[in-house]
Amino acid sequence: AKKPKKMADAAIENLTKRVAALETSNKFSAEQEAVRAAQMEMLTKLRALRQTLVERDDAGASSKELEALRSENSELKKQLAKQEYRIMHLLRNLDATETK
């Protein structure tokens, strides 16, 4: 009568260990999934941050280009003003010459 009870106790103990191992395994697996999800979220944020930095660097280059364009625009406005002045005087002299 003792052997079946020992065997039953051993089987119960064995099953208890297996259940505990499975619970620990599932808990570990769930924790791994949580860590993996947190890592993916962090990776997404880091990619967004990197993209922002890249765009900011590109914007810096665009800023330099913009400054060059403003300088060129200023020079072209000066040339246009000179040419308009010359045209105005040429037209006056042409009118004065024609009326004589």
C-alpha atoms as a PDB file:
ATOM      1  CA  ALA A   1       0.000   0.000   0.000  1.00  0.00           C
ATOM      2  CA  LYS A   2       2.935   2.315   0.592  1.00  0.00           C
ATOM      3  CA  LYS A   3       4.424   1.847  -2.883  1.00  0.00           C
ATOM      4  CA  PRO A   4       1.373   3.146  -4.750  1.00  0.00           C
ATOM      5  CA  LYS A   5       1.155   6.101  -2.369  1.00  0.00           C
ATOM      6  CA  LYS A   6       4.886   6.854  -2.882  1.00  0.00           C
ATOM      7  CA  MET A   7       4.407   6.525  -6.603  1.00  0.00           C
ATOM      8  CA  ALA A   8       1.374   8.807  -6.485  1.00  0.00           C
ATOM      9  CA  ASP A   9       3.258  11.336  -4.350  1.00  0.00           C
ATOM     10  CA  ALA A  10       6.223  11.154  -6.720  1.00  0.00           C
ATOM     11  CA  ALA A  11       3.913  11.600  -9.713  1.00  0.00           C
ATOM     12  CA  ILE A  12       2.196  14.563  -8.040  1.00  0.00           C
ATOM     13  CA  GLU A  13       5.563  16.102  -7.197  1.00  0.00           C
ATOM     14  CA  ASN A  14       6.773  15.496 -10.747  1.00  0.00           C
ATOM     15  CA  LEU A  15       3.634  17.104 -12.179  1.00  0.00           C
ATOM     16  CA  THR A  16       3.947  20.048  -9.782  1.00  0.00           C
ATOM     17  CA  LYS A  17       7.533  20.638 -10.956  1.00  0.00           C
ATOM     18  CA  ARG A  18       6.477  20.401 -14.587  1.00  0.00           C
ATOM     19  CA  VAL A  19       3.622  22.861 -14.053  1.00  0.00           C
ATOM     20  CA  ALA A  20       5.960  25.243 -12.229  1.00  0.00           C
ATOM     21  CA  ALA A  21       8.500  24.940 -15.050  1.00  0.00           C
ATOM     22  CA  LEU A  22       5.835  25.641 -17.660  1.00  0.00           C
ATOM     23  CA  GLU A  23       4.519  28.624 -15.719  1.00  0.00           C
ATOM     24  CA  THR A  24       8.042  29.993 -15.367  1.00  0.00           C
ATOM     25  CA  SER A  25       8.645  29.359 -19.068  1.00  0.00           C
ATOM     26  CA  ASN A  26       5.413  31.118 -20.051  1.00  0.00           C
ATOM     27  CA  LYS A  27       6.161  33.992 -17.698  1.00  0.00           C
ATOM     28  CA  PHE A  28       9.656  34.276 -19.165  1.00  0.00           C
ATOM     29  CA  SER A  29       8.204  34.148 -22.663  1.00  0.00           C
ATOM     30  CA  ALA A  30       5.684  36.850 -21.765  1.00  0.00           C
ATOM     31  CA  GLU A  31       8.453  38.970 -20.265  1.00  0.00           C
ATOM     32  CA  GLN A  32      10.521  38.442 -23.405  1.00  0.00           C
ATOM     33  CA  GLU A  33       7.607  39.643 -25.512  1.00  0.00           C
ATOM     34  CA  ALA A  34       7.228  42.712 -23.305  1.00  0.00           C
ATOM     35  CA  VAL A  35      10.947  43.457 -23.612  1.00  0.00           C
ATOM     36  CA  ARG A  36      10.798  42.908 -27.372  1.00  0.00           C
ATOM     37  CA  ALA A  37       7.811  45.269 -27.639  1.00  0.00           C
ATOM     38  CA  ALA A  38       9.650  47.915 -25.595  1.00  0.00           C
ATOM     39  CA  GLN A  39      12.739  47.500 -27.776  1.00  0.00           C
ATOM     40  CA  MET A  40      10.676  47.897 -30.952  1.00  0.00           C
ATOM     41  CA  GLU A  41       9.046  51.027 -29.555  1.00  0.00           C
ATOM     42  CA  MET A  42      12.476  52.445 -28.661  1.00  0.00           C
ATOM     43  CA  LEU A  43      13.797  51.535 -32.108  1.00  0.00           C
ATOM     44  CA  THR A  44      10.886  53.360 -33.722  1.00  0.00           C
ATOM     45  CA  LYS A  45      11.565  56.447 -31.607  1.00  0.00           C
ATOM     46  CA  LEU A  46      15.291  56.329 -32.420  1.00  0.00           C
ATOM     47  CA  ARG A  47      14.552  56.064 -36.143  1.00  0.00           C
ATOM     48  CA  ALA A  48      12.238  59.067 -35.923  1.00  0.00           C
ATOM     49  CA  LEU A  49      14.905  61.007 -34.029  1.00  0.00           C
ATOM     50  CA  ARG A  50      17.528  60.076 -36.616  1.00  0.00           C
ATOM     51  CA  GLN A  51      15.203  61.207 -39.410  1.00  0.00           C
ATOM     52  CA  THR A  52      14.630  64.513 -37.628  1.00  0.00           C
ATOM     53  CA  LEU A  53      18.387  65.051 -37.298  1.00  0.00           C
ATOM     54  CA  VAL A  54      18.947  64.191 -40.957  1.00  0.00           C
ATOM     55  CA  GLU A  55      16.215  66.616 -42.000  1.00  0.00           C
ATOM     56  CA  ARG A  56      17.694  69.290 -39.757  1.00  0.00           C
ATOM     57  CA  ASP A  57      21.096  68.792 -41.432  1.00  0.00           C
ATOM     58  CA  ASP A  58      19.421  68.997 -44.823  1.00  0.00           C
ATOM     59  CA  ALA A  59      17.647  72.143 -43.699  1.00  0.00           C
ATOM     60  CA  GLY A  60      21.048  73.588 -42.767  1.00  0.00           C
ATOM     61  CA  ALA A  61      22.269  72.959 -46.299  1.00  0.00           C
ATOM     62  CA  SER A  62      19.064  74.507 -47.631  1.00  0.00           C
ATOM     63  CA  SER A  63      19.662  77.483 -45.377  1.00  0.00           C
ATOM     64  CA  LYS A  64      23.063  77.984 -46.994  1.00  0.00           C
ATOM     65  CA  GLU A  65      21.481  77.679 -50.414  1.00  0.00           C
ATOM     66  CA  LEU A  66      18.775  80.104 -49.364  1.00  0.00           C
ATOM     67  CA  GLU A  67      21.393  82.632 -48.232  1.00  0.00           C
ATOM     68  CA  ALA A  68      23.204  82.272 -51.573  1.00  0.00           C
ATOM     69  CA  LEU A  69      19.930  82.819 -53.424  1.00  0.00           C
ATOM     70  CA  ARG A  70      19.159  85.909 -51.354  1.00  0.00           C
ATOM     71  CA  SER A  71      22.586  87.318 -52.138  1.00  0.00           C
ATOM     72  CA  GLU A  72      22.123  86.603 -55.844  1.00  0.00           C
ATOM     73  CA  ASN A  73      18.658  88.173 -55.723  1.00  0.00           C
ATOM     74  CA  SER A  74      20.085  91.299 -54.124  1.00  0.00           C
ATOM     75  CA  GLU A  75      22.746  91.600 -56.835  1.00  0.00           C
ATOM     76  CA  LEU A  76      20.148  91.112 -59.572  1.00  0.00           C
ATOM     77  CA  LYS A  77      17.952  93.830 -58.049  1.00  0.00           C
ATOM     78  CA  LYS A  78      20.917  96.230 -58.117  1.00  0.00           C
ATOM     79  CA  GLN A  79      21.608  95.381 -61.779  1.00  0.00           C
ATOM     80  CA  LEU A  80      17.936  95.845 -62.638  1.00  0.00           C
ATOM     81  CA  ALA A  81      17.835  99.241 -60.925  1.00  0.00           C
ATOM     82  CA  LYS A  82      20.927 100.371 -62.889  1.00  0.00           C
ATOM     83  CA  GLN A  83      19.476  99.172 -66.176  1.00  0.00           C
ATOM     84  CA  GLU A  84      16.111 100.840 -65.503  1.00  0.00           C
ATOM     85  CA  TYR A  85      17.964 104.097 -64.732  1.00  0.00           C
ATOM     86  CA  ARG A  86      19.947 103.840 -67.952  1.00  0.00           C
ATOM     87  CA  ILE A  87      16.848 103.033 -70.018  1.00  0.00           C
ATOM     88  CA  MET A  88      14.996 105.974 -68.505  1.00  0.00           C
ATOM     89  CA  HIS A  89      17.837 108.360 -69.484  1.00  0.00           C
ATOM     90  CA  LEU A  90      18.211 106.819 -72.929  1.00  0.00           C
ATOM     91  CA  LEU A  91      14.479 107.297 -73.574  1.00  0.00           C
ATOM     92  CA  ARG A  92      14.670 110.928 -72.400  1.00  0.00           C
ATOM     93  CA  ASN A  93      17.630 111.598 -74.671  1.00  0.00           C
ATOM     94  CA  LEU A  94      15.907 109.827 -77.552  1.00  0.00           C
ATOM     95  CA  ASP A  95      12.753 111.938 -77.060  1.00  0.00           C
ATOM     96  CA  ALA A  96      14.861 115.099 -76.796  1.00  0.00           C
ATOM     97  CA  THR A  97      16.736 114.209 -79.976  1.00  0.00           C
ATOM     98  CA  GLU A  98      13.546 113.450 -81.893  1.00  0.00           C
ATOM     99  CA  THR A  99      11.865 116.696 -80.891  1.00  0.00           C
ATOM    100  CA  LYS A 100      14.740 118.820 -82.202  1.00  0.00           C
END
